[in-house]
Amino acid sequence: MYHKKLTAALAIAVLGSTSTIALADSPGADWITFEQAMEKAKAAGYTELHSLEVDDKSWEGKGLKADGKKYEFQMEGTTGKIMLDEED
C-alpha cells in the first residue's frame, strides 16, 4: 500500500512539474536563417560566437570581437539588423 501511494505522489510531482517547463522560442517563418544570422554577426565584427539563439522577436548571441573582449548582441529576426551590440 505504501508503495502505491509513493508511486502516485511521484507521478503527480513529475506530471505537475512539466506544466511549468518553458519551451524554447522558434524563429518565425519570415526570419533569416540561423546560418544567415551567424554571417551577419561575423559581418558585425564577431570573430568567435559562443551562443546564438532566438528570444522573442530577435536573434541574441554572445561572442568575441577582434579586440579579444566578450560582447553580446541582439539582431532583428527578419532583417538581421543589429539592434544591440555591447560589451558583456
N, C-alpha and C. Protein backbone atom coordinates (compact mmCIF):
# COMPACT_ATOMS: atom_id res chain seq x y z
N MET A 1 0.82 -1.19 0.00
CA MET A 1 0.00 0.00 0.00
C MET A 1 0.88 1.26 0.00
N TYR A 2 1.92 1.27 0.81
CA TYR A 2 2.82 2.42 0.89
C TYR A 2 3.47 2.66 -0.48
N HIS A 3 3.85 1.58 -1.16
CA HIS A 3 4.49 1.68 -2.48
C HIS A 3 3.56 2.36 -3.48
N LYS A 4 2.28 2.03 -3.47
CA LYS A 4 1.32 2.64 -4.41
C LYS A 4 1.16 4.13 -4.14
N LYS A 5 1.12 4.52 -2.86
CA LYS A 5 0.97 5.93 -2.52
C LYS A 5 2.21 6.72 -2.95
N LEU A 6 3.37 6.12 -2.73
CA LEU A 6 4.61 6.78 -3.11
C LEU A 6 4.70 6.94 -4.62
N THR A 7 4.32 5.90 -5.36
CA THR A 7 4.34 5.96 -6.82
C THR A 7 3.37 7.02 -7.33
N ALA A 8 2.18 7.08 -6.75
CA ALA A 8 1.18 8.07 -7.16
C ALA A 8 1.67 9.49 -6.85
N ALA A 9 2.28 9.68 -5.68
CA ALA A 9 2.79 11.00 -5.31
C ALA A 9 3.92 11.43 -6.25
N LEU A 10 4.78 10.49 -6.59
CA LEU A 10 5.88 10.77 -7.51
C LEU A 10 5.34 11.14 -8.90
N ALA A 11 4.34 10.40 -9.37
CA ALA A 11 3.75 10.68 -10.68
C ALA A 11 3.12 12.06 -10.71
N ILE A 12 2.43 12.44 -9.65
CA ILE A 12 1.80 13.76 -9.58
C ILE A 12 2.87 14.84 -9.58
N ALA A 13 3.94 14.62 -8.83
CA ALA A 13 5.02 15.61 -8.77
C ALA A 13 5.67 15.80 -10.14
N VAL A 14 5.93 14.70 -10.82
CA VAL A 14 6.58 14.77 -12.14
C VAL A 14 5.65 15.39 -13.16
N LEU A 15 4.40 14.94 -13.22
CA LEU A 15 3.46 15.47 -14.20
C LEU A 15 3.13 16.92 -13.91
N GLY A 16 3.02 17.26 -12.66
CA GLY A 16 2.72 18.64 -12.29
C GLY A 16 3.85 19.57 -12.63
N SER A 17 5.07 19.11 -12.52
CA SER A 17 6.22 19.98 -12.79
C SER A 17 6.41 20.23 -14.27
N THR A 18 5.97 19.34 -15.13
CA THR A 18 6.17 19.53 -16.57
C THR A 18 5.34 20.68 -17.11
N SER A 19 4.28 21.05 -16.42
CA SER A 19 3.46 22.14 -16.93
C SER A 19 4.15 23.49 -16.78
N THR A 20 5.20 23.57 -15.96
CA THR A 20 5.89 24.84 -15.77
C THR A 20 7.14 24.96 -16.63
N ILE A 21 7.46 23.94 -17.40
CA ILE A 21 8.65 23.98 -18.24
C ILE A 21 8.39 24.88 -19.44
N ALA A 22 9.26 25.84 -19.67
CA ALA A 22 9.11 26.75 -20.80
C ALA A 22 9.76 26.15 -22.03
N LEU A 23 9.08 26.26 -23.14
CA LEU A 23 9.63 25.77 -24.40
C LEU A 23 10.49 26.87 -25.02
N ALA A 24 11.53 26.46 -25.72
CA ALA A 24 12.41 27.42 -26.39
C ALA A 24 11.65 28.11 -27.51
N ASP A 25 11.99 29.37 -27.75
CA ASP A 25 11.38 30.11 -28.85
C ASP A 25 11.89 29.56 -30.18
N SER A 26 11.10 29.74 -31.22
CA SER A 26 11.47 29.30 -32.56
C SER A 26 11.46 30.51 -33.49
N PRO A 27 12.34 30.51 -34.49
CA PRO A 27 12.32 31.62 -35.44
C PRO A 27 11.03 31.64 -36.23
N GLY A 28 10.58 32.83 -36.60
CA GLY A 28 9.38 32.96 -37.40
C GLY A 28 9.61 32.52 -38.83
N ALA A 29 8.53 32.32 -39.56
CA ALA A 29 8.61 31.85 -40.94
C ALA A 29 9.35 32.83 -41.84
N ASP A 30 9.27 34.13 -41.54
CA ASP A 30 9.89 35.14 -42.39
C ASP A 30 11.25 35.60 -41.86
N TRP A 31 11.81 34.88 -40.93
CA TRP A 31 13.10 35.24 -40.33
C TRP A 31 14.26 34.80 -41.20
N ILE A 32 15.42 35.46 -40.99
CA ILE A 32 16.64 34.97 -41.61
C ILE A 32 17.01 33.65 -40.94
N THR A 33 17.75 32.82 -41.63
CA THR A 33 18.11 31.51 -41.09
C THR A 33 19.21 31.66 -40.03
N PHE A 34 19.43 30.59 -39.30
CA PHE A 34 20.50 30.54 -38.31
C PHE A 34 21.84 30.85 -38.97
N GLU A 35 22.07 30.25 -40.12
CA GLU A 35 23.32 30.46 -40.84
C GLU A 35 23.48 31.92 -41.27
N GLN A 36 22.39 32.53 -41.74
CA GLN A 36 22.43 33.93 -42.13
C GLN A 36 22.70 34.83 -40.91
N ALA A 37 22.10 34.48 -39.78
CA ALA A 37 22.34 35.25 -38.55
C ALA A 37 23.81 35.14 -38.14
N MET A 38 24.41 33.97 -38.30
CA MET A 38 25.83 33.81 -37.99
C MET A 38 26.67 34.70 -38.91
N GLU A 39 26.34 34.73 -40.18
CA GLU A 39 27.08 35.56 -41.14
C GLU A 39 26.93 37.05 -40.82
N LYS A 40 25.73 37.47 -40.42
CA LYS A 40 25.50 38.86 -40.05
C LYS A 40 26.34 39.23 -38.83
N ALA A 41 26.44 38.31 -37.86
CA ALA A 41 27.24 38.55 -36.66
C ALA A 41 28.72 38.69 -37.04
N LYS A 42 29.19 37.82 -37.92
CA LYS A 42 30.58 37.91 -38.37
C LYS A 42 30.83 39.23 -39.10
N ALA A 43 29.87 39.66 -39.91
CA ALA A 43 29.99 40.93 -40.62
C ALA A 43 30.00 42.12 -39.65
N ALA A 44 29.41 41.93 -38.46
CA ALA A 44 29.38 42.99 -37.45
C ALA A 44 30.65 42.98 -36.59
N GLY A 45 31.60 42.10 -36.93
CA GLY A 45 32.88 42.11 -36.23
C GLY A 45 33.13 40.97 -35.27
N TYR A 46 32.20 40.04 -35.16
CA TYR A 46 32.40 38.90 -34.24
C TYR A 46 33.32 37.87 -34.89
N THR A 47 34.40 37.55 -34.19
CA THR A 47 35.37 36.58 -34.70
C THR A 47 35.08 35.18 -34.16
N GLU A 48 34.34 35.12 -33.06
CA GLU A 48 34.01 33.84 -32.43
C GLU A 48 32.64 33.98 -31.77
N LEU A 49 31.72 33.07 -32.07
CA LEU A 49 30.39 33.10 -31.45
C LEU A 49 30.31 32.02 -30.38
N HIS A 50 29.85 32.41 -29.19
CA HIS A 50 29.67 31.45 -28.10
C HIS A 50 28.23 30.98 -28.00
N SER A 51 27.30 31.84 -28.42
CA SER A 51 25.89 31.45 -28.40
C SER A 51 25.13 32.25 -29.44
N LEU A 52 24.09 31.65 -29.94
CA LEU A 52 23.17 32.31 -30.86
C LEU A 52 21.84 31.62 -30.72
N GLU A 53 20.83 32.37 -30.27
CA GLU A 53 19.52 31.75 -30.03
C GLU A 53 18.41 32.74 -30.30
N VAL A 54 17.22 32.20 -30.43
CA VAL A 54 16.03 33.01 -30.66
C VAL A 54 15.45 33.40 -29.30
N ASP A 55 15.12 34.68 -29.16
CA ASP A 55 14.44 35.16 -27.97
C ASP A 55 13.41 36.19 -28.39
N ASP A 56 12.16 35.87 -28.22
CA ASP A 56 11.05 36.73 -28.63
C ASP A 56 11.15 37.08 -30.12
N LYS A 57 11.46 38.32 -30.43
CA LYS A 57 11.46 38.77 -31.83
C LYS A 57 12.85 39.05 -32.37
N SER A 58 13.86 38.41 -31.76
CA SER A 58 15.23 38.68 -32.21
C SER A 58 16.13 37.47 -32.04
N TRP A 59 17.22 37.51 -32.76
CA TRP A 59 18.34 36.59 -32.52
C TRP A 59 19.18 37.25 -31.44
N GLU A 60 19.63 36.49 -30.46
CA GLU A 60 20.51 37.02 -29.43
C GLU A 60 21.74 36.14 -29.35
N GLY A 61 22.88 36.77 -29.13
CA GLY A 61 24.09 35.98 -29.07
C GLY A 61 25.18 36.64 -28.26
N LYS A 62 26.23 35.88 -28.05
CA LYS A 62 27.42 36.35 -27.34
C LYS A 62 28.63 35.82 -28.08
N GLY A 63 29.71 36.58 -28.00
CA GLY A 63 30.93 36.13 -28.65
C GLY A 63 32.07 37.10 -28.44
N LEU A 64 33.16 36.83 -29.14
CA LEU A 64 34.35 37.67 -29.07
C LEU A 64 34.48 38.48 -30.34
N LYS A 65 35.02 39.69 -30.17
CA LYS A 65 35.36 40.51 -31.33
C LYS A 65 36.88 40.54 -31.45
N ALA A 66 37.37 41.20 -32.49
CA ALA A 66 38.81 41.23 -32.78
C ALA A 66 39.64 41.81 -31.64
N ASP A 67 39.03 42.64 -30.79
CA ASP A 67 39.77 43.21 -29.66
C ASP A 67 39.93 42.22 -28.51
N GLY A 68 39.38 41.00 -28.66
CA GLY A 68 39.51 39.95 -27.65
C GLY A 68 38.53 40.05 -26.51
N LYS A 69 37.63 41.04 -26.55
CA LYS A 69 36.65 41.22 -25.48
C LYS A 69 35.35 40.49 -25.81
N LYS A 70 34.62 40.13 -24.74
CA LYS A 70 33.32 39.47 -24.90
C LYS A 70 32.24 40.53 -25.11
N TYR A 71 31.36 40.27 -26.07
CA TYR A 71 30.24 41.16 -26.36
C TYR A 71 28.97 40.34 -26.46
N GLU A 72 27.85 41.04 -26.30
CA GLU A 72 26.56 40.43 -26.55
C GLU A 72 25.83 41.27 -27.59
N PHE A 73 24.97 40.62 -28.35
CA PHE A 73 24.25 41.37 -29.38
C PHE A 73 22.82 40.87 -29.49
N GLN A 74 22.02 41.72 -30.09
CA GLN A 74 20.63 41.40 -30.39
C GLN A 74 20.40 41.81 -31.83
N MET A 75 19.83 40.90 -32.60
CA MET A 75 19.67 41.10 -34.04
C MET A 75 18.19 40.93 -34.41
N GLU A 76 17.67 41.87 -35.18
CA GLU A 76 16.28 41.80 -35.60
C GLU A 76 16.06 40.51 -36.41
N GLY A 77 15.00 39.80 -36.10
CA GLY A 77 14.78 38.46 -36.66
C GLY A 77 14.56 38.40 -38.16
N THR A 78 13.88 39.38 -38.72
CA THR A 78 13.56 39.31 -40.15
C THR A 78 14.61 39.94 -41.05
N THR A 79 15.33 40.94 -40.55
CA THR A 79 16.30 41.64 -41.39
C THR A 79 17.76 41.33 -41.05
N GLY A 80 18.00 40.93 -39.81
CA GLY A 80 19.37 40.71 -39.37
C GLY A 80 20.07 41.98 -38.93
N LYS A 81 19.33 43.07 -38.84
CA LYS A 81 19.90 44.35 -38.40
C LYS A 81 20.29 44.24 -36.91
N ILE A 82 21.52 44.65 -36.59
CA ILE A 82 21.99 44.63 -35.21
C ILE A 82 21.32 45.76 -34.45
N MET A 83 20.57 45.41 -33.40
CA MET A 83 19.87 46.41 -32.61
C MET A 83 20.59 46.73 -31.30
N LEU A 84 21.37 45.80 -30.82
CA LEU A 84 22.15 45.97 -29.59
C LEU A 84 23.49 45.30 -29.78
N ASP A 85 24.53 45.97 -29.39
CA ASP A 85 25.88 45.43 -29.53
C ASP A 85 26.72 46.08 -28.43
N GLU A 86 26.92 45.35 -27.33
CA GLU A 86 27.62 45.95 -26.20
C GLU A 86 28.54 44.95 -25.52
N GLU A 87 29.53 45.48 -24.83
CA GLU A 87 30.47 44.64 -24.10
C GLU A 87 29.73 43.91 -22.99
N ASP A 88 30.04 42.63 -22.84
CA ASP A 88 29.36 41.79 -21.85
C ASP A 88 30.10 41.82 -20.54
